[in-house]
Amino acid sequence: MEFSIKEKFETAKQFLREVRTELKKVTWPSRKDTLSGTLVVLVAVFIIAVFLGIVDSGLSNLIKELLKRATS
């Protein structure tokens, strides 16, 4: 099934019309909502990073201690 260039162009135009129609239905968040959501994400990422850093440090120290005991 082969489409001509004109048919492809018309299909693309129809698709873009439908996209525009759907985007008009979207309820976009306010600037305040966007900033507060971003802040929540950044705080959560920071907390998780600190937690994982502590766990990583603890496991590194544990493995170093186990290796010291195994070699001595």
PDB file of N, CA and C in Angstrom:
ATOM      1  N   MET A   1       0.857  -1.182   0.000  1.00  0.00           N
ATOM      2  CA  MET A   1       0.000   0.000   0.000  1.00  0.00           C
ATOM      3  C   MET A   1       0.892   1.231   0.000  1.00  0.00           C
ATOM      4  N   GLU A   2       0.887   1.948  -1.082  1.00  0.00           N
ATOM      5  CA  GLU A   2       1.769   3.087  -1.253  1.00  0.00           C
ATOM      6  C   GLU A   2       0.971   4.384  -1.247  1.00  0.00           C
ATOM      7  N   PHE A   3       1.447   5.354  -0.455  1.00  0.00           N
ATOM      8  CA  PHE A   3       0.792   6.659  -0.386  1.00  0.00           C
ATOM      9  C   PHE A   3       1.542   7.632  -1.280  1.00  0.00           C
ATOM     10  N   SER A   4       0.796   8.495  -1.900  1.00  0.00           N
ATOM     11  CA  SER A   4       1.455   9.553  -2.653  1.00  0.00           C
ATOM     12  C   SER A   4       1.896  10.642  -1.677  1.00  0.00           C
ATOM     13  N   ILE A   5       2.734  11.529  -2.151  1.00  0.00           N
ATOM     14  CA  ILE A   5       3.212  12.624  -1.303  1.00  0.00           C
ATOM     15  C   ILE A   5       2.049  13.489  -0.859  1.00  0.00           C
ATOM     16  N   LYS A   6       1.087  13.704  -1.744  1.00  0.00           N
ATOM     17  CA  LYS A   6      -0.073  14.528  -1.410  1.00  0.00           C
ATOM     18  C   LYS A   6      -0.891  13.881  -0.291  1.00  0.00           C
ATOM     19  N   GLU A   7      -1.080  12.559  -0.360  1.00  0.00           N
ATOM     20  CA  GLU A   7      -1.831  11.863   0.692  1.00  0.00           C
ATOM     21  C   GLU A   7      -1.092  11.946   2.029  1.00  0.00           C
ATOM     22  N   LYS A   8       0.228  11.790   2.000  1.00  0.00           N
ATOM     23  CA  LYS A   8       1.022  11.886   3.234  1.00  0.00           C
ATOM     24  C   LYS A   8       0.923  13.287   3.824  1.00  0.00           C
ATOM     25  N   PHE A   9       0.975  14.306   2.956  1.00  0.00           N
ATOM     26  CA  PHE A   9       0.868  15.685   3.409  1.00  0.00           C
ATOM     27  C   PHE A   9      -0.494  15.932   4.057  1.00  0.00           C
ATOM     28  N   GLU A  10      -1.559  15.441   3.423  1.00  0.00           N
ATOM     29  CA  GLU A  10      -2.910  15.612   3.975  1.00  0.00           C
ATOM     30  C   GLU A  10      -3.053  14.879   5.307  1.00  0.00           C
ATOM     31  N   THR A  11      -2.471  13.691   5.394  1.00  0.00           N
ATOM     32  CA  THR A  11      -2.519  12.926   6.644  1.00  0.00           C
ATOM     33  C   THR A  11      -1.788  13.688   7.749  1.00  0.00           C
ATOM     34  N   ALA A  12      -0.648  14.254   7.429  1.00  0.00           N
ATOM     35  CA  ALA A  12       0.118  15.018   8.417  1.00  0.00           C
ATOM     36  C   ALA A  12      -0.658  16.263   8.850  1.00  0.00           C
ATOM     37  N   LYS A  13      -1.294  16.946   7.896  1.00  0.00           N
ATOM     38  CA  LYS A  13      -2.086  18.132   8.228  1.00  0.00           C
ATOM     39  C   LYS A  13      -3.239  17.761   9.162  1.00  0.00           C
ATOM     40  N   GLN A  14      -3.913  16.654   8.854  1.00  0.00           N
ATOM     41  CA  GLN A  14      -5.028  16.213   9.695  1.00  0.00           C
ATOM     42  C   GLN A  14      -4.526  15.880  11.104  1.00  0.00           C
ATOM     43  N   PHE A  15      -3.396  15.207  11.188  1.00  0.00           N
ATOM     44  CA  PHE A  15      -2.823  14.861  12.488  1.00  0.00           C
ATOM     45  C   PHE A  15      -2.536  16.123  13.300  1.00  0.00           C
ATOM     46  N   LEU A  16      -1.916  17.125  12.665  1.00  0.00           N
ATOM     47  CA  LEU A  16      -1.583  18.359  13.377  1.00  0.00           C
ATOM     48  C   LEU A  16      -2.835  19.117  13.809  1.00  0.00           C
ATOM     49  N   ARG A  17      -3.900  19.063  13.006  1.00  0.00           N
ATOM     50  CA  ARG A  17      -5.171  19.678  13.419  1.00  0.00           C
ATOM     51  C   ARG A  17      -5.708  18.997  14.673  1.00  0.00           C
ATOM     52  N   GLU A  18      -5.628  17.670  14.694  1.00  0.00           N
ATOM     53  CA  GLU A  18      -6.114  16.922  15.849  1.00  0.00           C
ATOM     54  C   GLU A  18      -5.266  17.204  17.088  1.00  0.00           C
ATOM     55  N   VAL A  19      -3.961  17.345  16.899  1.00  0.00           N
ATOM     56  CA  VAL A  19      -3.067  17.670  18.016  1.00  0.00           C
ATOM     57  C   VAL A  19      -3.445  19.024  18.592  1.00  0.00           C
ATOM     58  N   ARG A  20      -3.659  20.007  17.724  1.00  0.00           N
ATOM     59  CA  ARG A  20      -4.047  21.346  18.183  1.00  0.00           C
ATOM     60  C   ARG A  20      -5.351  21.285  18.971  1.00  0.00           C
ATOM     61  N   THR A  21      -6.319  20.521  18.477  1.00  0.00           N
ATOM     62  CA  THR A  21      -7.611  20.389  19.164  1.00  0.00           C
ATOM     63  C   THR A  21      -7.424  19.777  20.552  1.00  0.00           C
ATOM     64  N   GLU A  22      -6.608  18.744  20.633  1.00  0.00           N
ATOM     65  CA  GLU A  22      -6.382  18.087  21.921  1.00  0.00           C
ATOM     66  C   GLU A  22      -5.629  19.001  22.890  1.00  0.00           C
ATOM     67  N   LEU A  23      -4.655  19.756  22.378  1.00  0.00           N
ATOM     68  CA  LEU A  23      -3.898  20.657  23.253  1.00  0.00           C
ATOM     69  C   LEU A  23      -4.769  21.766  23.824  1.00  0.00           C
ATOM     70  N   LYS A  24      -5.812  22.144  23.124  1.00  0.00           N
ATOM     71  CA  LYS A  24      -6.729  23.153  23.647  1.00  0.00           C
ATOM     72  C   LYS A  24      -7.513  22.624  24.845  1.00  0.00           C
ATOM     73  N   LYS A  25      -7.641  21.295  24.945  1.00  0.00           N
ATOM     74  CA  LYS A  25      -8.383  20.679  26.046  1.00  0.00           C
ATOM     75  C   LYS A  25      -7.533  20.507  27.310  1.00  0.00           C
ATOM     76  N   VAL A  26      -6.228  20.666  27.176  1.00  0.00           N
ATOM     77  CA  VAL A  26      -5.313  20.437  28.298  1.00  0.00           C
ATOM     78  C   VAL A  26      -5.462  21.546  29.322  1.00  0.00           C
ATOM     79  N   THR A  27      -5.485  21.148  30.597  1.00  0.00           N
ATOM     80  CA  THR A  27      -5.465  22.122  31.690  1.00  0.00           C
ATOM     81  C   THR A  27      -4.025  22.224  32.157  1.00  0.00           C
ATOM     82  N   TRP A  28      -3.375  23.328  31.820  1.00  0.00           N
ATOM     83  CA  TRP A  28      -1.979  23.509  32.149  1.00  0.00           C
ATOM     84  C   TRP A  28      -1.839  23.978  33.594  1.00  0.00           C
ATOM     85  N   PRO A  29      -0.807  23.504  34.304  1.00  0.00           N
ATOM     86  CA  PRO A  29      -0.611  23.938  35.704  1.00  0.00           C
ATOM     87  C   PRO A  29      -0.180  25.398  35.756  1.00  0.00           C
ATOM     88  N   SER A  30      -0.499  26.020  36.878  1.00  0.00           N
ATOM     89  CA  SER A  30      -0.081  27.412  37.056  1.00  0.00           C
ATOM     90  C   SER A  30       1.421  27.450  37.362  1.00  0.00           C
ATOM     91  N   ARG A  31       1.984  28.626  37.299  1.00  0.00           N
ATOM     92  CA  ARG A  31       3.407  28.793  37.598  1.00  0.00           C
ATOM     93  C   ARG A  31       3.697  28.363  39.040  1.00  0.00           C
ATOM     94  N   LYS A  32       2.782  28.726  39.946  1.00  0.00           N
ATOM     95  CA  LYS A  32       2.951  28.371  41.358  1.00  0.00           C
ATOM     96  C   LYS A  32       2.954  26.848  41.526  1.00  0.00           C
ATOM     97  N   ASP A  33       2.018  26.157  40.863  1.00  0.00           N
ATOM     98  CA  ASP A  33       1.960  24.697  40.951  1.00  0.00           C
ATOM     99  C   ASP A  33       3.237  24.055  40.397  1.00  0.00           C
ATOM    100  N   THR A  34       3.715  24.592  39.282  1.00  0.00           N
ATOM    101  CA  THR A  34       4.927  24.052  38.668  1.00  0.00           C
ATOM    102  C   THR A  34       6.134  24.232  39.575  1.00  0.00           C
ATOM    103  N   LEU A  35       6.279  25.421  40.158  1.00  0.00           N
ATOM    104  CA  LEU A  35       7.415  25.675  41.045  1.00  0.00           C
ATOM    105  C   LEU A  35       7.348  24.829  42.309  1.00  0.00           C
ATOM    106  N   SER A  36       6.153  24.678  42.880  1.00  0.00           N
ATOM    107  CA  SER A  36       6.058  23.866  44.098  1.00  0.00           C
ATOM    108  C   SER A  36       6.323  22.392  43.795  1.00  0.00           C
ATOM    109  N   GLY A  37       5.851  21.917  42.645  1.00  0.00           N
ATOM    110  CA  GLY A  37       6.136  20.530  42.260  1.00  0.00           C
ATOM    111  C   GLY A  37       7.622  20.306  42.033  1.00  0.00           C
ATOM    112  N   THR A  38       8.262  21.275  41.399  1.00  0.00           N
ATOM    113  CA  THR A  38       9.707  21.190  41.168  1.00  0.00           C
ATOM    114  C   THR A  38      10.463  21.172  42.483  1.00  0.00           C
ATOM    115  N   LEU A  39      10.053  22.002  43.425  1.00  0.00           N
ATOM    116  CA  LEU A  39      10.701  22.045  44.733  1.00  0.00           C
ATOM    117  C   LEU A  39      10.571  20.701  45.452  1.00  0.00           C
ATOM    118  N   VAL A  40       9.399  20.103  45.391  1.00  0.00           N
ATOM    119  CA  VAL A  40       9.186  18.793  46.025  1.00  0.00           C
ATOM    120  C   VAL A  40      10.129  17.756  45.416  1.00  0.00           C
ATOM    121  N   VAL A  41      10.249  17.759  44.103  1.00  0.00           N
ATOM    122  CA  VAL A  41      11.127  16.799  43.432  1.00  0.00           C
ATOM    123  C   VAL A  41      12.579  17.029  43.835  1.00  0.00           C
ATOM    124  N   LEU A  42      13.033  18.285  43.844  1.00  0.00           N
ATOM    125  CA  LEU A  42      14.417  18.566  44.205  1.00  0.00           C
ATOM    126  C   LEU A  42      14.732  18.158  45.644  1.00  0.00           C
ATOM    127  N   VAL A  43      13.816  18.425  46.560  1.00  0.00           N
ATOM    128  CA  VAL A  43      14.022  18.034  47.964  1.00  0.00           C
ATOM    129  C   VAL A  43      14.072  16.507  48.082  1.00  0.00           C
ATOM    130  N   ALA A  44      13.164  15.827  47.385  1.00  0.00           N
ATOM    131  CA  ALA A  44      13.151  14.360  47.439  1.00  0.00           C
ATOM    132  C   ALA A  44      14.449  13.787  46.873  1.00  0.00           C
ATOM    133  N   VAL A  45      14.922  14.326  45.772  1.00  0.00           N
ATOM    134  CA  VAL A  45      16.173  13.859  45.171  1.00  0.00           C
ATOM    135  C   VAL A  45      17.335  14.094  46.131  1.00  0.00           C
ATOM    136  N   PHE A  46      17.372  15.248  46.784  1.00  0.00           N
ATOM    137  CA  PHE A  46      18.440  15.546  47.729  1.00  0.00           C
ATOM    138  C   PHE A  46      18.421  14.558  48.901  1.00  0.00           C
ATOM    139  N   ILE A  47      17.242  14.302  49.452  1.00  0.00           N
ATOM    140  CA  ILE A  47      17.123  13.367  50.581  1.00  0.00           C
ATOM    141  C   ILE A  47      17.565  11.966  50.173  1.00  0.00           C
ATOM    142  N   ILE A  48      17.130  11.521  49.007  1.00  0.00           N
ATOM    143  CA  ILE A  48      17.520  10.183  48.542  1.00  0.00           C
ATOM    144  C   ILE A  48      19.020  10.124  48.281  1.00  0.00           C
ATOM    145  N   ALA A  49      19.595  11.188  47.724  1.00  0.00           N
ATOM    146  CA  ALA A  49      21.038  11.212  47.461  1.00  0.00           C
ATOM    147  C   ALA A  49      21.829  11.129  48.761  1.00  0.00           C
ATOM    148  N   VAL A  50      21.412  11.866  49.779  1.00  0.00           N
ATOM    149  CA  VAL A  50      22.095  11.812  51.075  1.00  0.00           C
ATOM    150  C   VAL A  50      21.969  10.413  51.667  1.00  0.00           C
ATOM    151  N   PHE A  51      20.780   9.844  51.628  1.00  0.00           N
ATOM    152  CA  PHE A  51      20.562   8.497  52.158  1.00  0.00           C
ATOM    153  C   PHE A  51      21.460   7.485  51.451  1.00  0.00           C
ATOM    154  N   LEU A  52      21.470   7.533  50.114  1.00  0.00           N
ATOM    155  CA  LEU A  52      22.296   6.577  49.372  1.00  0.00           C
ATOM    156  C   LEU A  52      23.783   6.814  49.615  1.00  0.00           C
ATOM    157  N   GLY A  53      24.182   8.064  49.793  1.00  0.00           N
ATOM    158  CA  GLY A  53      25.578   8.355  50.117  1.00  0.00           C
ATOM    159  C   GLY A  53      25.977   7.748  51.447  1.00  0.00           C
ATOM    160  N   ILE A  54      25.100   7.853  52.434  1.00  0.00           N
ATOM    161  CA  ILE A  54      25.378   7.270  53.761  1.00  0.00           C
ATOM    162  C   ILE A  54      25.452   5.750  53.669  1.00  0.00           C
ATOM    163  N   VAL A  55      24.498   5.146  52.970  1.00  0.00           N
ATOM    164  CA  VAL A  55      24.506   3.685  52.810  1.00  0.00           C
ATOM    165  C   VAL A  55      25.772   3.243  52.077  1.00  0.00           C
ATOM    166  N   ASP A  56      26.141   3.949  51.014  1.00  0.00           N
ATOM    167  CA  ASP A  56      27.341   3.604  50.250  1.00  0.00           C
ATOM    168  C   ASP A  56      28.584   3.700  51.117  1.00  0.00           C
ATOM    169  N   SER A  57      28.691   4.770  51.889  1.00  0.00           N
ATOM    170  CA  SER A  57      29.844   4.943  52.771  1.00  0.00           C
ATOM    171  C   SER A  57      29.906   3.827  53.809  1.00  0.00           C
ATOM    172  N   GLY A  58      28.766   3.516  54.388  1.00  0.00           N
ATOM    173  CA  GLY A  58      28.727   2.446  55.389  1.00  0.00           C
ATOM    174  C   GLY A  58      29.113   1.098  54.812  1.00  0.00           C
ATOM    175  N   LEU A  59      28.589   0.797  53.626  1.00  0.00           N
ATOM    176  CA  LEU A  59      28.940  -0.487  53.006  1.00  0.00           C
ATOM    177  C   LEU A  59      30.413  -0.523  52.599  1.00  0.00           C
ATOM    178  N   SER A  60      30.947   0.595  52.137  1.00  0.00           N
ATOM    179  CA  SER A  60      32.373   0.654  51.783  1.00  0.00           C
ATOM    180  C   SER A  60      33.235   0.385  53.008  1.00  0.00           C
ATOM    181  N   ASN A  61      32.898   1.027  54.121  1.00  0.00           N
ATOM    182  CA  ASN A  61      33.661   0.809  55.352  1.00  0.00           C
ATOM    183  C   ASN A  61      33.533  -0.634  55.828  1.00  0.00           C
ATOM    184  N   LEU A  62      32.363  -1.207  55.707  1.00  0.00           N
ATOM    185  CA  LEU A  62      32.161  -2.599  56.104  1.00  0.00           C
ATOM    186  C   LEU A  62      33.023  -3.536  55.262  1.00  0.00           C
ATOM    187  N   ILE A  63      33.033  -3.327  53.969  1.00  0.00           N
ATOM    188  CA  ILE A  63      33.825  -4.195  53.088  1.00  0.00           C
ATOM    189  C   ILE A  63      35.311  -4.009  53.358  1.00  0.00           C
ATOM    190  N   LYS A  64      35.754  -2.772  53.578  1.00  0.00           N
ATOM    191  CA  LYS A  64      37.170  -2.536  53.907  1.00  0.00           C
ATOM    192  C   LYS A  64      37.547  -3.271  55.188  1.00  0.00           C
ATOM    193  N   GLU A  65      36.677  -3.206  56.175  1.00  0.00           N
ATOM    194  CA  GLU A  65      36.950  -3.889  57.448  1.00  0.00           C
ATOM    195  C   GLU A  65      36.995  -5.399  57.263  1.00  0.00           C
ATOM    196  N   LEU A  66      36.077  -5.936  56.478  1.00  0.00           N
ATOM    197  CA  LEU A  66      36.075  -7.379  56.226  1.00  0.00           C
ATOM    198  C   LEU A  66      37.332  -7.808  55.475  1.00  0.00           C
ATOM    199  N   LEU A  67      37.770  -6.993  54.510  1.00  0.00           N
ATOM    200  CA  LEU A  67      38.990  -7.327  53.770  1.00  0.00           C
ATOM    201  C   LEU A  67      40.228  -7.251  54.668  1.00  0.00           C
ATOM    202  N   LYS A  68      40.251  -6.273  55.586  1.00  0.00           N
ATOM    203  CA  LYS A  68      41.375  -6.174  56.521  1.00  0.00           C
ATOM    204  C   LYS A  68      41.462  -7.433  57.377  1.00  0.00           C
ATOM    205  N   ARG A  69      40.318  -7.873  57.881  1.00  0.00           N
ATOM    206  CA  ARG A  69      40.296  -9.050  58.756  1.00  0.00           C
ATOM    207  C   ARG A  69      40.644 -10.315  57.976  1.00  0.00           C
ATOM    208  N   ALA A  70      40.257 -10.372  56.707  1.00  0.00           N
ATOM    209  CA  ALA A  70      40.540 -11.556  55.903  1.00  0.00           C
ATOM    210  C   ALA A  70      42.027 -11.655  55.572  1.00  0.00           C
ATOM    211  N   THR A  71      42.696 -10.536  55.432  1.00  0.00           N
ATOM    212  CA  THR A  71      44.129 -10.565  55.070  1.00  0.00           C
ATOM    213  C   THR A  71      45.033 -10.648  56.285  1.00  0.00           C
ATOM    214  N   SER A  72      44.499 -10.390  57.474  1.00  0.00           N
ATOM    215  CA  SER A  72      45.381 -10.430  58.643  1.00  0.00           C
ATOM    216  C   SER A  72      45.312 -11.745  59.380  1.00  0.00           C
TER     217      SER A  72
END
